[in-house]
Amino acid sequence: MEHKPTVLMERYELGRLLGKGTFAKVYHARNIITGMSVAIKMIDKEKVMKVGMIEQIKREISVMRLVKHPNIVQLYEVMASKSKVYFVMELVKGGELFNKVSKGKLNEDAAKMYFKQLIGAVDFCHSRGVYHRDLKLENILLDENGNLKVSDFGLSALAESKRQDGMLHTTCGTPAYVAPEVIGKTGYDGCKADIWSCGVILYVLLAGYLPFYDSNLMQMYRKIVKAEFKYPSGFPTEARRLVSKMLDPDPSTRISIAKIMQKPWFQIEFDFKTRKAEEAKKEPTTLEAEVYSSLESTSDLLEQRVELDKLSDLNAFDIISLSEGFDLSCLFEKKYQKKEVRVTSMHPLQTIISKFEDIAKKLSLQLTKEGGLLKLEGSREGRKGVLSIYAEIFEITPNFHLVEVKKAMGDTLEYQKVVTEDIQPALKDIVCTWQGYVEKPKQSK
C-alpha cells in the first residue's frame, strides 16, 4: 500500500525532520500550490505554555515580520492548530556556519565576507528596533550559494522592551558569546551587546576557537568581564585592531556599527535604503491575530504558566536552563554538581562576608577566611565526621558577586539542613538568584 505524505493545512506537504529542540521540531516541506521548498518550525503549544513562553512566541513573530533582509532567514507565514503553532520559513540548505569553522579557521577573505554580511544584517535589525541577543555561530546559517543567514530570534527584544532607564534588563544569551554588561543586572544596551557577540564571532572565524572559554563557568565570566583573551599567531593585524574595539568590556567606549563600517578592513558600502522593511507599527495580519488568539485559548493556562515578566528577575543561569541547547551542566565540575548551591548578589563583598560571620556565630562554627574563600567548620562529630562547608565568593563585577556554597566534609543531610534552614534564610535579603536546595530536606527515619 502506497504511503500518503502528510499535508499540513491543505497547503504544505511535510518531508523529513531537519532538527528538533525542547519546544519545537523543524521539517522540510513543499508548498503544494507553488512547489516551493520551505522549512516549517512546529511548536508544541502545551510545552511553551507550561513554561510561560507564550509572549515570547508572539514577540518572535513580531520581530521576524520586521526584519526582511537578504541575510536574515525569512518568515513567510504563521499558522496554528489546536495543539501546534507553525512557522513557515525560508529553507536554508547550507547548514550552520559553526560546521564550517569546526573544521578549522577560515582564511581572511572568507571571514571578511561572512562578517560583512553579519554586520549588515545586525545593523538592519537595530534600525528596526530589534536586538538579537543570542548571536553565535550556531544561529548563523548558509544558503546554497554560501550567503550568510541570521536565524533564531527566540531571545530577541524589541525597542519597547526597554525600561524607563532606556536599557534592557533580561539577562540571556549563550555564555561564551555574552557581553560582560549582560552578566550584571544593571541594564544594558542591546546594540552594544550584539556588537560584542559579533566580535566573538569574528574572532572565532579567524582563530578557529572561542576567545573566552573555561571549564568553570565562573572563571569564564571573569575572563569575559576583564576581556582576558589572546590572539593566535597569524591573526590579521587590521582584524585584530577591530576585534579589540568590539571586545571592549566598557560598553560606553565599545565601537559602534557605524564605526565598524568605516574601518579599512571592512571596506564595503551597504545600501540599506533599498531594503526597507514594513512599518514597525503595522498591525498583525488576520492570520497572525488568529494564532495569537489560539495561543491564549487553551484551558488551564493560568494554572500552568510561569509569568513571563518574572524572567526579568532571572540571571543567565536561569534563562539558559529554559532550553536544551543552553544546558550548562557539562561546564560545572562533576564532583560538586549535586552538592553545591550558587547564589548571586548585588551587595559588596564585605556585606556577604558579614552574613557568613553571623551564620557561623549562630551555629557555633569556626570561620576562617582566605581572600574570597570562607570555611565554616563544626566542632562536633556528626554521622560522617565533622561538618565542614566552603563558601567561595567570585567578583564577577564590583557590583555583582557569585557565591558557591559546597560541602567539604561531613554528612550530606546535615549539610543540606544547614543550607536550607540557616544559610538560605540568612542570605535572603542580599541574594538576587539562588540555585540549589530551596526546600527543607526530608528527615531520615
Protein backbone atom coordinates (compact mmCIF):
# COMPACT_ATOMS: atom_id res chain seq x y z
CA MET A 1 0.00 0.00 0.00
CA GLU A 2 1.44 3.35 -1.02
CA HIS A 3 2.17 5.74 1.88
CA LYS A 4 0.45 9.11 1.53
CA PRO A 5 2.53 12.13 2.54
CA THR A 6 1.24 14.28 5.39
CA VAL A 7 -0.32 17.52 4.15
CA LEU A 8 -0.45 20.38 6.61
CA MET A 9 -3.31 22.87 6.47
CA GLU A 10 -4.06 21.67 2.91
CA ARG A 11 -1.05 23.69 1.76
CA TYR A 12 2.24 22.06 2.72
CA GLU A 13 3.46 18.52 2.16
CA LEU A 14 5.70 17.59 5.09
CA GLY A 15 9.03 15.94 4.40
CA ARG A 16 11.94 14.79 6.53
CA LEU A 17 12.75 16.02 10.03
CA LEU A 18 15.57 18.59 9.88
CA GLY A 19 16.07 19.09 13.60
CA LYS A 20 14.39 19.33 16.97
CA GLY A 21 14.72 21.21 20.25
CA THR A 22 12.98 21.42 23.60
CA PHE A 23 9.79 23.01 22.31
CA ALA A 24 9.84 22.57 18.54
CA LYS A 25 10.66 20.37 15.57
CA VAL A 26 11.71 21.63 12.14
CA TYR A 27 10.64 19.82 8.97
CA HIS A 28 11.41 20.14 5.30
CA ALA A 29 8.17 20.87 3.45
CA ARG A 30 6.86 21.74 -0.02
CA ASN A 31 4.12 24.19 -0.90
CA ILE A 32 1.73 22.01 -2.94
CA ILE A 33 0.47 25.04 -4.87
CA THR A 34 3.74 26.73 -5.84
CA GLY A 35 6.14 23.80 -5.42
CA MET A 36 8.50 25.95 -3.32
CA SER A 37 10.54 24.19 -0.64
CA VAL A 38 10.29 25.65 2.86
CA ALA A 39 11.20 24.83 6.44
CA ILE A 40 8.34 24.50 8.93
CA LYS A 41 9.04 25.04 12.61
CA MET A 42 6.38 23.10 14.53
CA ILE A 43 6.00 24.42 18.10
CA ASP A 44 4.25 22.41 20.81
CA LYS A 45 1.72 24.80 22.34
CA GLU A 46 1.29 22.92 25.61
CA LYS A 47 5.03 22.86 26.30
CA VAL A 48 5.54 26.59 25.73
CA MET A 49 2.51 27.36 27.89
CA LYS A 50 3.83 25.30 30.77
CA VAL A 51 6.99 27.43 30.94
CA GLY A 52 5.20 30.71 30.27
CA MET A 53 6.71 31.42 26.85
CA ILE A 54 3.54 32.48 25.03
CA GLU A 55 4.56 36.14 24.89
CA GLN A 56 7.99 35.09 23.66
CA ILE A 57 6.41 33.25 20.70
CA LYS A 58 4.35 36.32 19.89
CA ARG A 59 7.43 38.51 20.10
CA GLU A 60 9.36 36.20 17.77
CA ILE A 61 6.55 36.51 15.21
CA SER A 62 6.53 40.32 15.52
CA VAL A 63 10.31 40.51 15.23
CA MET A 64 10.55 38.30 12.16
CA ARG A 65 7.90 40.36 10.39
CA LEU A 66 10.10 43.43 10.89
CA VAL A 67 13.45 42.07 9.71
CA LYS A 68 13.07 41.43 5.98
CA HIS A 69 16.68 41.35 4.84
CA PRO A 70 18.67 39.13 2.41
CA ASN A 71 20.96 37.96 5.24
CA ILE A 72 18.18 37.03 7.66
CA VAL A 73 16.08 33.86 7.49
CA GLN A 74 12.62 34.92 6.34
CA LEU A 75 9.30 34.06 7.96
CA TYR A 76 6.70 33.53 5.22
CA GLU A 77 3.59 32.87 7.29
CA VAL A 78 2.31 31.62 10.65
CA MET A 79 -0.42 29.03 11.17
CA ALA A 80 -1.91 27.26 14.18
CA SER A 81 -3.90 24.18 15.08
CA LYS A 82 -5.35 23.15 18.44
CA SER A 83 -2.03 21.81 19.70
CA LYS A 84 0.65 23.33 17.44
CA VAL A 85 1.93 26.64 16.08
CA TYR A 86 3.62 26.51 12.67
CA PHE A 87 6.27 28.94 11.41
CA VAL A 88 6.66 28.60 7.64
CA MET A 89 10.17 29.81 6.96
CA GLU A 90 12.82 30.14 4.28
CA LEU A 91 14.65 26.85 3.74
CA VAL A 92 18.39 27.41 4.17
CA LYS A 93 20.27 24.42 2.76
CA GLY A 94 23.93 25.14 3.53
CA GLY A 95 23.94 24.25 7.23
CA GLU A 96 25.39 26.18 10.17
CA LEU A 97 28.46 28.40 9.88
CA PHE A 98 29.61 26.55 13.01
CA ASN A 99 30.10 23.38 10.96
CA LYS A 100 32.44 25.18 8.59
CA VAL A 101 34.54 26.68 11.38
CA SER A 102 34.66 23.38 13.30
CA LYS A 103 36.92 22.09 10.53
CA GLY A 104 39.41 24.88 11.20
CA LYS A 105 39.80 28.64 10.99
CA LEU A 106 38.78 30.43 7.79
CA ASN A 107 41.05 32.41 5.52
CA GLU A 108 40.85 36.17 5.89
CA ASP A 109 38.79 36.78 2.73
CA ALA A 110 36.14 34.22 3.66
CA ALA A 111 35.94 35.53 7.24
CA LYS A 112 35.61 39.08 5.96
CA MET A 113 32.80 38.14 3.58
CA TYR A 114 30.76 36.45 6.32
CA PHE A 115 31.48 39.23 8.79
CA LYS A 116 30.32 41.92 6.37
CA GLN A 117 27.05 40.08 5.79
CA LEU A 118 26.60 39.57 9.53
CA ILE A 119 27.15 43.24 10.34
CA GLY A 120 24.77 44.25 7.55
CA ALA A 121 22.03 42.01 8.97
CA VAL A 122 22.60 43.12 12.56
CA ASP A 123 22.66 46.79 11.62
CA PHE A 124 19.36 46.35 9.79
CA CYS A 125 17.83 44.70 12.86
CA HIS A 126 18.95 47.59 15.04
CA SER A 127 17.50 50.09 12.58
CA ARG A 128 14.12 48.41 13.11
CA GLY A 129 14.46 48.43 16.91
CA VAL A 130 15.30 44.72 17.13
CA TYR A 131 18.15 43.31 19.25
CA HIS A 132 19.01 39.66 18.61
CA ARG A 133 20.70 38.90 21.97
CA ASP A 134 21.83 35.39 21.03
CA LEU A 135 24.22 35.85 18.12
CA LYS A 136 26.53 32.85 17.79
CA LEU A 137 27.86 30.57 15.06
CA GLU A 138 25.11 28.01 15.65
CA ASN A 139 22.48 30.66 14.85
CA ILE A 140 24.11 31.66 11.56
CA LEU A 141 23.14 29.54 8.55
CA LEU A 142 24.48 29.42 5.00
CA ASP A 143 22.39 29.11 1.86
CA GLU A 144 23.32 27.02 -1.20
CA ASN A 145 25.30 29.97 -2.59
CA GLY A 146 27.32 30.43 0.60
CA ASN A 147 25.47 33.54 1.73
CA LEU A 148 25.01 34.09 5.44
CA LYS A 149 21.54 33.98 7.05
CA VAL A 150 20.96 35.02 10.66
CA SER A 151 18.37 32.81 12.37
CA ASP A 152 16.67 32.10 15.72
CA PHE A 153 15.13 35.27 17.08
CA GLY A 154 13.61 33.43 20.03
CA LEU A 155 15.54 35.51 22.59
CA SER A 156 15.36 38.80 20.69
CA ALA A 157 13.97 42.01 22.13
CA LEU A 158 12.15 44.99 20.65
CA ALA A 159 12.91 48.60 21.49
CA GLU A 160 9.71 48.80 23.54
CA SER A 161 11.18 46.13 25.86
CA LYS A 162 13.44 48.79 27.36
CA ARG A 163 12.62 50.10 30.80
CA GLN A 164 12.42 53.76 31.79
CA ASP A 165 16.20 53.94 32.05
CA GLY A 166 16.37 53.15 28.33
CA MET A 167 18.09 49.81 28.96
CA LEU A 168 17.25 46.12 28.61
CA HIS A 169 17.33 44.08 31.80
CA THR A 170 16.60 40.42 30.94
CA THR A 171 19.88 38.51 31.11
CA CYS A 172 20.08 35.96 28.31
CA GLY A 173 22.31 34.58 25.62
CA THR A 174 24.93 31.87 25.32
CA PRO A 175 27.73 32.26 27.92
CA ALA A 176 30.78 32.25 25.63
CA TYR A 177 29.23 34.97 23.42
CA VAL A 178 27.53 37.14 26.06
CA ALA A 179 28.71 40.71 26.74
CA PRO A 180 30.07 41.50 30.23
CA GLU A 181 27.37 44.06 31.00
CA VAL A 182 24.67 41.45 30.33
CA ILE A 183 26.00 39.29 33.17
CA GLY A 184 25.26 42.02 35.72
CA LYS A 185 21.74 43.22 36.47
CA THR A 186 22.18 46.98 35.99
CA GLY A 187 20.81 47.04 32.44
CA TYR A 188 22.48 47.06 29.05
CA ASP A 189 22.25 48.49 25.55
CA GLY A 190 21.00 45.80 23.12
CA CYS A 191 23.04 47.26 20.24
CA LYS A 192 26.29 47.21 22.22
CA ALA A 193 25.62 43.67 23.47
CA ASP A 194 25.07 42.42 19.90
CA ILE A 195 28.31 44.12 18.78
CA TRP A 196 30.25 42.23 21.46
CA SER A 197 28.77 38.92 20.21
CA CYS A 198 29.75 39.85 16.63
CA GLY A 199 33.30 40.45 17.90
CA VAL A 200 33.39 36.96 19.40
CA ILE A 201 32.14 35.54 16.10
CA LEU A 202 34.81 37.38 14.07
CA TYR A 203 37.49 36.11 16.45
CA VAL A 204 36.28 32.51 16.05
CA LEU A 205 36.20 32.80 12.24
CA LEU A 206 39.86 33.87 12.16
CA ALA A 207 41.21 31.84 15.10
CA GLY A 208 39.14 28.66 14.88
CA TYR A 209 38.21 28.71 18.57
CA LEU A 210 36.47 30.90 21.17
CA PRO A 211 38.29 33.83 22.80
CA PHE A 212 36.68 33.14 26.19
CA TYR A 213 36.39 29.60 27.42
CA ASP A 214 36.90 27.82 30.72
CA SER A 215 35.51 24.54 32.05
CA ASN A 216 34.44 26.52 35.12
CA LEU A 217 31.61 28.89 34.24
CA MET A 218 32.50 31.49 36.86
CA GLN A 219 36.10 31.65 35.67
CA MET A 220 34.85 32.12 32.11
CA TYR A 221 32.65 35.01 33.21
CA ARG A 222 35.61 36.62 34.99
CA LYS A 223 37.61 36.42 31.75
CA ILE A 224 34.71 37.97 29.83
CA VAL A 225 34.30 40.84 32.30
CA LYS A 226 38.02 41.66 32.08
CA ALA A 227 38.22 40.85 28.34
CA GLU A 228 41.09 38.46 29.02
CA PHE A 229 41.98 36.69 25.77
CA LYS A 230 44.95 36.23 23.46
CA TYR A 231 45.32 36.29 19.69
CA PRO A 232 46.91 33.31 17.96
CA SER A 233 49.90 33.89 15.72
CA GLY A 234 48.90 34.82 12.20
CA PHE A 235 45.75 36.67 13.24
CA PRO A 236 45.42 39.54 10.70
CA THR A 237 46.64 42.85 12.15
CA GLU A 238 43.72 45.03 10.99
CA ALA A 239 41.20 42.43 12.13
CA ARG A 240 42.97 42.28 15.49
CA ARG A 241 42.52 46.03 15.95
CA LEU A 242 38.84 45.74 15.06
CA VAL A 243 38.15 42.78 17.36
CA SER A 244 39.86 44.59 20.26
CA LYS A 245 37.50 47.54 19.82
CA MET A 246 34.46 45.23 19.63
CA LEU A 247 35.51 43.22 22.70
CA ASP A 248 35.89 46.34 24.81
CA PRO A 249 34.45 45.43 28.26
CA ASP A 250 33.22 49.02 28.67
CA PRO A 251 30.07 49.37 26.52
CA SER A 252 30.33 53.18 26.59
CA THR A 253 33.61 53.06 24.65
CA ARG A 254 32.89 49.93 22.58
CA ILE A 255 32.94 50.60 18.84
CA SER A 256 29.62 51.23 17.08
CA ILE A 257 28.46 49.51 13.90
CA ALA A 258 28.78 52.81 12.01
CA LYS A 259 32.46 52.99 13.03
CA ILE A 260 33.00 49.31 12.18
CA MET A 261 31.82 50.02 8.64
CA GLN A 262 34.32 52.87 8.34
CA LYS A 263 37.31 50.69 9.21
CA PRO A 264 39.70 49.95 6.30
CA TRP A 265 39.47 46.22 6.96
CA PHE A 266 35.74 46.32 6.42
CA GLN A 267 35.82 48.12 3.02
CA ILE A 268 32.25 47.79 1.90
CA GLU A 269 29.24 50.02 1.34
CA PHE A 270 25.72 48.98 2.24
CA ASP A 271 22.67 50.43 0.53
CA PHE A 272 20.04 49.91 3.21
CA LYS A 273 17.65 52.33 1.51
CA THR A 274 16.75 49.64 -0.99
CA ARG A 275 15.98 47.09 1.73
CA LYS A 276 13.18 48.81 3.65
CA ALA A 277 11.13 46.60 5.96
CA GLU A 278 7.43 47.05 6.51
CA GLU A 279 6.30 49.70 9.00
CA ALA A 280 7.28 48.82 12.55
CA LYS A 281 3.84 49.52 13.97
CA LYS A 282 1.89 47.55 11.39
CA GLU A 283 -0.98 45.56 12.91
CA PRO A 284 -0.73 41.74 12.83
CA THR A 285 -2.36 40.07 9.86
CA THR A 286 -5.73 38.38 10.38
CA LEU A 287 -3.98 35.01 10.31
CA GLU A 288 -1.47 36.09 12.94
CA ALA A 289 -4.27 37.52 15.10
CA GLU A 290 -5.95 34.10 14.96
CA VAL A 291 -2.66 32.48 16.01
CA TYR A 292 -2.39 34.86 18.98
CA SER A 293 -5.96 34.03 19.97
CA SER A 294 -5.21 30.33 19.64
CA LEU A 295 -2.18 30.67 21.89
CA GLU A 296 -4.30 32.20 24.65
CA SER A 297 -7.39 29.98 24.44
CA THR A 298 -6.03 26.73 25.86
CA SER A 299 -7.66 25.64 29.13
CA ASP A 300 -5.74 25.66 32.43
CA LEU A 301 -3.39 28.29 31.03
CA LEU A 302 -3.34 30.35 34.21
CA GLU A 303 -2.57 27.32 36.34
CA GLN A 304 0.25 26.04 34.14
CA ARG A 305 2.09 29.17 33.02
CA VAL A 306 5.05 30.87 34.66
CA GLU A 307 4.61 34.64 34.49
CA LEU A 308 6.88 35.86 31.71
CA ASP A 309 7.66 39.15 33.41
CA LYS A 310 9.43 37.16 36.12
CA LEU A 311 12.11 36.36 33.55
CA SER A 312 13.46 39.86 34.05
CA ASP A 313 14.41 38.84 37.59
CA LEU A 314 16.45 35.84 36.45
CA ASN A 315 20.11 35.73 35.60
CA ALA A 316 21.91 33.95 32.79
CA PHE A 317 21.83 30.57 34.55
CA ASP A 318 18.02 30.60 34.72
CA ILE A 319 17.35 31.86 31.20
CA ILE A 320 19.83 29.40 29.75
CA SER A 321 18.21 26.48 31.61
CA LEU A 322 14.94 27.03 29.70
CA SER A 323 16.40 25.39 26.62
CA GLU A 324 18.17 22.10 25.96
CA GLY A 325 20.57 23.90 23.68
CA PHE A 326 21.73 26.13 26.53
CA ASP A 327 22.33 23.38 29.11
CA LEU A 328 25.46 24.32 31.04
CA SER A 329 25.68 21.27 33.27
CA CYS A 330 28.66 19.98 31.31
CA LEU A 331 30.63 23.09 32.30
CA PHE A 332 30.34 22.52 36.02
CA GLU A 333 32.82 20.39 37.92
CA LYS A 334 31.13 17.00 38.18
CA LYS A 335 32.19 16.23 41.74
CA TYR A 336 30.20 19.21 43.01
CA GLN A 337 27.23 19.03 40.69
CA LYS A 338 24.75 17.65 43.23
CA LYS A 339 26.23 19.11 46.42
CA GLU A 340 26.79 22.79 45.76
CA VAL A 341 24.49 25.76 45.59
CA ARG A 342 25.09 29.08 43.87
CA VAL A 343 23.75 32.50 44.74
CA THR A 344 24.25 35.87 43.09
CA SER A 345 24.25 39.17 44.95
CA MET A 346 24.42 42.86 44.11
CA HIS A 347 25.90 43.68 47.55
CA PRO A 348 29.55 44.48 48.43
CA LEU A 349 31.96 41.70 49.31
CA GLN A 350 32.15 42.73 52.97
CA THR A 351 28.35 42.57 53.34
CA ILE A 352 28.36 38.99 52.05
CA ILE A 353 31.23 38.02 54.38
CA SER A 354 29.40 39.60 57.34
CA LYS A 355 26.36 37.44 56.64
CA PHE A 356 28.51 34.30 56.81
CA GLU A 357 30.12 35.55 60.04
CA ASP A 358 26.62 35.84 61.54
CA ILE A 359 25.78 32.31 60.35
CA ALA A 360 28.97 30.92 61.91
CA LYS A 361 28.28 32.68 65.21
CA LYS A 362 24.67 31.43 65.34
CA LEU A 363 25.69 27.80 64.65
CA SER A 364 28.87 27.92 66.76
CA LEU A 365 31.00 27.17 63.71
CA GLN A 366 34.61 28.25 63.32
CA LEU A 367 35.02 30.65 60.38
CA THR A 368 38.33 31.06 58.59
CA LYS A 369 38.90 33.45 55.67
CA GLU A 370 41.40 33.33 52.85
CA GLY A 371 40.62 36.01 50.29
CA GLY A 372 37.25 35.16 48.82
CA LEU A 373 37.22 31.63 50.28
CA LEU A 374 35.38 31.11 53.58
CA LYS A 375 35.44 27.89 55.55
CA LEU A 376 32.80 27.13 58.19
CA GLU A 377 33.74 24.16 60.37
CA GLY A 378 31.93 22.50 63.24
CA SER A 379 33.46 21.17 66.46
CA ARG A 380 31.22 18.14 66.92
CA GLU A 381 31.40 14.78 65.17
CA GLY A 382 28.39 14.04 63.01
CA ARG A 383 27.30 10.79 61.39
CA LYS A 384 30.15 11.07 58.90
CA GLY A 385 32.65 13.20 60.77
CA VAL A 386 32.88 16.93 61.39
CA LEU A 387 30.76 19.08 59.06
CA SER A 388 32.84 21.49 57.00
CA ILE A 389 31.40 23.92 54.44
CA TYR A 390 33.18 26.10 51.88
CA ALA A 391 31.73 29.38 50.62
CA GLU A 392 33.74 30.80 47.72
CA ILE A 393 32.95 34.34 46.58
CA PHE A 394 33.65 35.35 42.96
CA GLU A 395 33.68 39.01 41.96
CA ILE A 396 32.08 38.99 38.52
CA THR A 397 31.93 42.80 38.56
CA PRO A 398 32.50 45.18 41.52
CA ASN A 399 28.72 45.27 42.00
CA PHE A 400 27.92 41.66 41.14
CA HIS A 401 29.14 38.64 43.11
CA LEU A 402 28.58 34.93 42.73
CA VAL A 403 28.86 32.69 45.80
CA GLU A 404 29.36 28.93 45.63
CA VAL A 405 28.44 27.04 48.78
CA LYS A 406 29.55 23.41 48.93
CA LYS A 407 30.18 20.64 51.41
CA ALA A 408 33.85 19.95 52.12
CA MET A 409 33.41 17.19 54.71
CA GLY A 410 30.68 15.56 56.77
CA ASP A 411 27.16 14.26 56.34
CA THR A 412 25.20 15.40 53.27
CA LEU A 413 21.83 15.54 55.09
CA GLU A 414 23.36 17.69 57.82
CA TYR A 415 24.87 19.95 55.15
CA GLN A 416 21.52 20.29 53.34
CA LYS A 417 19.80 21.13 56.62
CA VAL A 418 22.29 23.92 57.35
CA VAL A 419 21.87 25.31 53.84
CA THR A 420 18.07 25.32 53.82
CA GLU A 421 17.40 26.21 57.48
CA ASP A 422 20.25 28.61 58.21
CA ILE A 423 22.25 29.81 55.20
CA GLN A 424 19.32 30.41 52.85
CA PRO A 425 17.24 32.48 55.34
CA ALA A 426 20.31 34.45 56.42
CA LEU A 427 21.17 35.44 52.85
CA LYS A 428 17.64 36.08 51.54
CA ASP A 429 17.92 39.88 51.92
CA ILE A 430 21.05 40.18 49.76
CA VAL A 431 20.51 37.44 47.16
CA CYS A 432 19.33 38.09 43.58
CA THR A 433 19.09 34.46 42.49
CA TRP A 434 19.52 31.09 44.14
CA GLN A 435 20.44 27.79 42.53
CA GLY A 436 20.40 24.66 44.63
CA TYR A 437 18.45 23.42 47.65
CA VAL A 438 15.39 25.56 48.31
CA GLU A 439 13.28 23.10 50.31
CA LYS A 440 13.97 21.51 53.66
CA PRO A 441 15.38 18.01 53.18
CA LYS A 442 13.30 15.10 54.42
CA GLN A 443 14.48 13.79 57.78
CA SER A 444 15.80 10.23 57.79
CA LYS A 445 13.87 7.83 59.96
